[in-house]
C-alpha atoms as a PDB file:
ATOM      1  CA  MET A   1      90.249 100.169  99.666  1.00  0.00           C
ATOM      2  CA  ASN A   2      89.204  97.139  96.894  1.00  0.00           C
ATOM      3  CA  VAL A   3      86.042  97.086  96.283  1.00  0.00           C
ATOM      4  CA  LEU A   4      84.138  94.704  93.866  1.00  0.00           C
ATOM      5  CA  ILE A   5      81.137  95.674  91.866  1.00  0.00           C
ATOM      6  CA  ILE A   6      78.371  92.689  91.058  1.00  0.00           C
ATOM      7  CA  GLU A   7      75.789  94.153  88.707  1.00  0.00           C
ATOM      8  CA  ASP A   8      74.060  92.494  85.579  1.00  0.00           C
ATOM      9  CA  GLU A   9      72.793  96.372  84.533  1.00  0.00           C
ATOM     10  CA  SER A  10      75.937  97.931  82.946  1.00  0.00           C
ATOM     11  CA  ILE A  11      74.684 101.802  83.460  1.00  0.00           C
ATOM     12  CA  ALA A  12      73.192 101.189  87.100  1.00  0.00           C
ATOM     13  CA  ALA A  13      77.412  99.541  87.585  1.00  0.00           C
ATOM     14  CA  ARG A  14      78.970 102.337  86.052  1.00  0.00           C
ATOM     15  CA  ARG A  15      76.887 104.920  87.474  1.00  0.00           C
ATOM     16  CA  LEU A  16      77.590 103.323  90.751  1.00  0.00           C
ATOM     17  CA  GLU A  17      81.763 103.517  89.763  1.00  0.00           C
ATOM     18  CA  ASP A  18      81.291 107.061  89.027  1.00  0.00           C
ATOM     19  CA  MET A  19      79.860 107.749  92.324  1.00  0.00           C
ATOM     20  CA  LEU A  20      82.804 106.165  93.903  1.00  0.00           C
ATOM     21  CA  LYS A  21      85.123 107.401  92.356  1.00  0.00           C
ATOM     22  CA  GLU A  22      84.072 110.901  93.677  1.00  0.00           C
ATOM     23  CA  VAL A  23      82.466 109.524  97.021  1.00  0.00           C
ATOM     24  CA  ALA A  24      85.714 107.872  97.725  1.00  0.00           C
ATOM     25  CA  PRO A  25      87.821 108.595  95.762  1.00  0.00           C
ATOM     26  CA  GLY A  26      90.935 106.700  96.567  1.00  0.00           C
ATOM     27  CA  TRP A  27      89.249 103.332  96.567  1.00  0.00           C
ATOM     28  CA  ARG A  28      90.237 100.953  93.764  1.00  0.00           C
ATOM     29  CA  VAL A  29      87.363  98.529  92.168  1.00  0.00           C
ATOM     30  CA  LEU A  30      88.862  95.166  91.569  1.00  0.00           C
ATOM     31  CA  ALA A  31      85.913  94.436  88.913  1.00  0.00           C
ATOM     32  CA  VAL A  32      82.470  94.963  87.632  1.00  0.00           C
ATOM     33  CA  LEU A  33      80.689  91.381  87.414  1.00  0.00           C
ATOM     34  CA  ASP A  34      77.676  90.452  86.037  1.00  0.00           C
ATOM     35  CA  SER A  35      76.870  87.000  86.955  1.00  0.00           C
ATOM     36  CA  ILE A  36      76.747  84.334  89.805  1.00  0.00           C
ATOM     37  CA  GLU A  37      79.338  82.526  87.666  1.00  0.00           C
ATOM     38  CA  SER A  38      81.539  85.264  87.144  1.00  0.00           C
ATOM     39  CA  SER A  39      81.442  85.929  90.948  1.00  0.00           C
ATOM     40  CA  VAL A  40      81.565  82.322  92.203  1.00  0.00           C
ATOM     41  CA  GLU A  41      85.138  82.444  89.534  1.00  0.00           C
ATOM     42  CA  PHE A  42      86.371  85.759  90.328  1.00  0.00           C
ATOM     43  CA  LEU A  43      86.054  84.960  94.294  1.00  0.00           C
ATOM     44  CA  THR A  44      87.360  81.742  94.293  1.00  0.00           C
ATOM     45  CA  ALA A  45      90.674  82.739  92.356  1.00  0.00           C
ATOM     46  CA  GLY A  46      91.066  86.516  93.177  1.00  0.00           C
ATOM     47  CA  PRO A  47      91.911  88.928  94.984  1.00  0.00           C
ATOM     48  CA  GLU A  48      89.626  89.352  98.498  1.00  0.00           C
ATOM     49  CA  PRO A  49      87.632  92.842  98.334  1.00  0.00           C
ATOM     50  CA  ASP A  50      87.468  94.620 101.160  1.00  0.00           C
ATOM     51  CA  LEU A  51      84.451  95.535 100.686  1.00  0.00           C
ATOM     52  CA  ILE A  52      81.221  94.241  98.249  1.00  0.00           C
ATOM     53  CA  PHE A  53      78.231  96.131  95.994  1.00  0.00           C
ATOM     54  CA  MET A  54      76.151  93.703  95.556  1.00  0.00           C
ATOM     55  CA  ASP A  55      72.949  93.681  93.155  1.00  0.00           C
ATOM     56  CA  ILE A  56      70.501  90.633  94.126  1.00  0.00           C
ATOM     57  CA  GLU A  57      68.559  90.143  91.226  1.00  0.00           C
ATOM     58  CA  LEU A  58      70.975  89.430  88.379  1.00  0.00           C
ATOM     59  CA  GLY A  59      70.731  88.013  85.029  1.00  0.00           C
ATOM     60  CA  ASP A  60      71.415  83.941  85.838  1.00  0.00           C
ATOM     61  CA  GLY A  61      69.604  84.148  89.452  1.00  0.00           C
ATOM     62  CA  GLN A  62      69.394  85.594  92.916  1.00  0.00           C
ATOM     63  CA  SER A  63      73.076  87.302  93.890  1.00  0.00           C
ATOM     64  CA  PHE A  64      72.371  85.063  97.019  1.00  0.00           C
ATOM     65  CA  GLU A  65      73.464  81.948  95.387  1.00  0.00           C
ATOM     66  CA  ILE A  66      76.694  82.799  95.469  1.00  0.00           C
ATOM     67  CA  PHE A  67      77.059  82.484  99.238  1.00  0.00           C
ATOM     68  CA  PRO A  68      76.963  79.067  99.568  1.00  0.00           C
ATOM     69  CA  ARG A  69      78.948  78.273  96.272  1.00  0.00           C
ATOM     70  CA  VAL A  70      81.940  80.528  98.165  1.00  0.00           C
ATOM     71  CA  SER A  71      83.213  81.504 101.425  1.00  0.00           C
ATOM     72  CA  ILE A  72      82.789  85.629 101.971  1.00  0.00           C
ATOM     73  CA  ASP A  73      84.383  87.609 104.265  1.00  0.00           C
ATOM     74  CA  ALA A  74      83.704  91.054 103.422  1.00  0.00           C
ATOM     75  CA  PRO A  75      81.101  92.966 104.246  1.00  0.00           C
ATOM     76  CA  VAL A  76      78.637  93.874 101.269  1.00  0.00           C
ATOM     77  CA  VAL A  77      76.443  96.637 100.542  1.00  0.00           C
ATOM     78  CA  PHE A  78      73.106  95.607  98.537  1.00  0.00           C
ATOM     79  CA  ILE A  79      71.852  97.604  95.951  1.00  0.00           C
ATOM     80  CA  THR A  80      68.228  96.562  94.179  1.00  0.00           C
ATOM     81  CA  ALA A  81      64.991  98.087  92.821  1.00  0.00           C
ATOM     82  CA  TYR A  82      63.126  95.432  95.030  1.00  0.00           C
ATOM     83  CA  GLN A  83      62.123  96.167  99.106  1.00  0.00           C
ATOM     84  CA  GLU A  84      61.194  92.513  99.686  1.00  0.00           C
ATOM     85  CA  HIS A  85      65.217  91.217  99.928  1.00  0.00           C
ATOM     86  CA  THR A  86      66.065  93.016 103.010  1.00  0.00           C
ATOM     87  CA  LEU A  87      65.781  90.235 105.629  1.00  0.00           C
ATOM     88  CA  LYS A  88      67.549  87.631 103.733  1.00  0.00           C
ATOM     89  CA  ALA A  89      70.154  90.297 102.719  1.00  0.00           C
ATOM     90  CA  PHE A  90      71.515  91.375 106.768  1.00  0.00           C
ATOM     91  CA  LYS A  91      71.864  87.779 107.074  1.00  0.00           C
ATOM     92  CA  HIS A  92      74.663  87.407 103.804  1.00  0.00           C
ATOM     93  CA  ASN A  93      77.260  89.939 105.377  1.00  0.00           C
ATOM     94  CA  SER A  94      74.987  92.737 104.577  1.00  0.00           C
ATOM     95  CA  ILE A  95      75.769  96.482 105.870  1.00  0.00           C
ATOM     96  CA  ASP A  96      73.617  98.449 103.749  1.00  0.00           C
ATOM     97  CA  TYR A  97      70.764  98.285 101.603  1.00  0.00           C
ATOM     98  CA  LEU A  98      69.755 100.493  99.027  1.00  0.00           C
ATOM     99  CA  LEU A  99      67.957 100.684  96.863  1.00  0.00           C
ATOM    100  CA  LYS A 100      67.795 101.947  93.178  1.00  0.00           C
ATOM    101  CA  PRO A 101      68.136 104.600  92.175  1.00  0.00           C
ATOM    102  CA  LEU A 102      71.179 105.311  93.249  1.00  0.00           C
ATOM    103  CA  ASN A 103      72.145 108.448  95.359  1.00  0.00           C
ATOM    104  CA  LYS A 104      75.573 110.156  96.735  1.00  0.00           C
ATOM    105  CA  GLU A 105      73.849 111.201 100.330  1.00  0.00           C
ATOM    106  CA  GLU A 106      72.789 107.221 100.312  1.00  0.00           C
ATOM    107  CA  LEU A 107      76.631 106.189  99.199  1.00  0.00           C
ATOM    108  CA  ARG A 108      78.399 108.123 100.961  1.00  0.00           C
ATOM    109  CA  ALA A 109      76.339 107.262 104.512  1.00  0.00           C
ATOM    110  CA  ALA A 110      76.955 103.454 103.178  1.00  0.00           C
ATOM    111  CA  ILE A 111      80.738 103.665 103.269  1.00  0.00           C
ATOM    112  CA  ASP A 112      80.693 105.507 105.981  1.00  0.00           C
ATOM    113  CA  LYS A 113      79.012 103.497 107.766  1.00  0.00           C
ATOM    114  CA  TYR A 114      81.136 100.480 106.551  1.00  0.00           C
ATOM    115  CA  GLN A 115      84.560 102.506 107.982  1.00  0.00           C
ATOM    116  CA  LYS A 116      82.754 103.230 110.930  1.00  0.00           C
ATOM    117  CA  VAL A 117      82.446  98.797 111.322  1.00  0.00           C
ATOM    118  CA  GLN A 118      86.173  98.610 110.480  1.00  0.00           C
ATOM    119  CA  SER A 119      87.356 101.620 112.752  1.00  0.00           C
ATOM    120  CA  LEU A 120      85.679  99.944 115.782  1.00  0.00           C
ATOM    121  CA  GLN A 121      86.672  96.323 114.567  1.00  0.00           C
ATOM    122  CA  LYS A 122      90.385  97.723 114.947  1.00  0.00           C
ATOM    123  CA  LYS A 123      90.128  99.271 117.702  1.00  0.00           C
ATOM    124  CA  GLN A 124      88.581  95.831 119.498  1.00  0.00           C
ATOM    125  CA  LEU A 125      91.797  93.485 117.887  1.00  0.00           C
ATOM    126  CA  GLN A 126      94.462  96.223 119.533  1.00  0.00           C
ATOM    127  CA  LYS A 127      92.580  95.680 122.884  1.00  0.00           C
ATOM    128  CA  ILE A 128      92.678  92.561 122.709  1.00  0.00           C
ATOM    129  CA  HIS A 129      96.187  92.071 120.817  1.00  0.00           C
ATOM    130  CA  ALA A 130      97.304  94.865 124.555  1.00  0.00           C
ATOM    131  CA  GLN A 131      95.078  92.547 126.725  1.00  0.00           C
ATOM    132  CA  ASN A 132      96.979  88.974 125.366  1.00  0.00           C
ATOM    133  CA  GLU A 133     100.318  91.017 125.623  1.00  0.00           C
ATOM    134  CA  SER A 134     100.094  92.054 129.298  1.00  0.00           C
END
């Protein structure tokens, strides 16, 4: 599983990365990005992540500004200190919205939710393929 972290606070990014190693040890962090610009560049050129952990308030604006600039198909777990962005977040591929400071239980629940959604999608695709073959 390849994940991308978009977080401009280095301590928060490192904490998230450490928690991911504990909660999802087989997962690989493709990159830790700290701005809208670096995120757009990576998402345009780099490998597509399976899941994105995205802070909303970045040094060069809100991460919502990334979406009109690049196509993002990966689900997003938004992480922020602010509750007021919840509705907007769910309009942008969000599968969860976690408030800072993060804790392992909430992170684990977000990962479990992601895995359940992926499993359901896989089952639906298998059904569609089976129906098309018959």
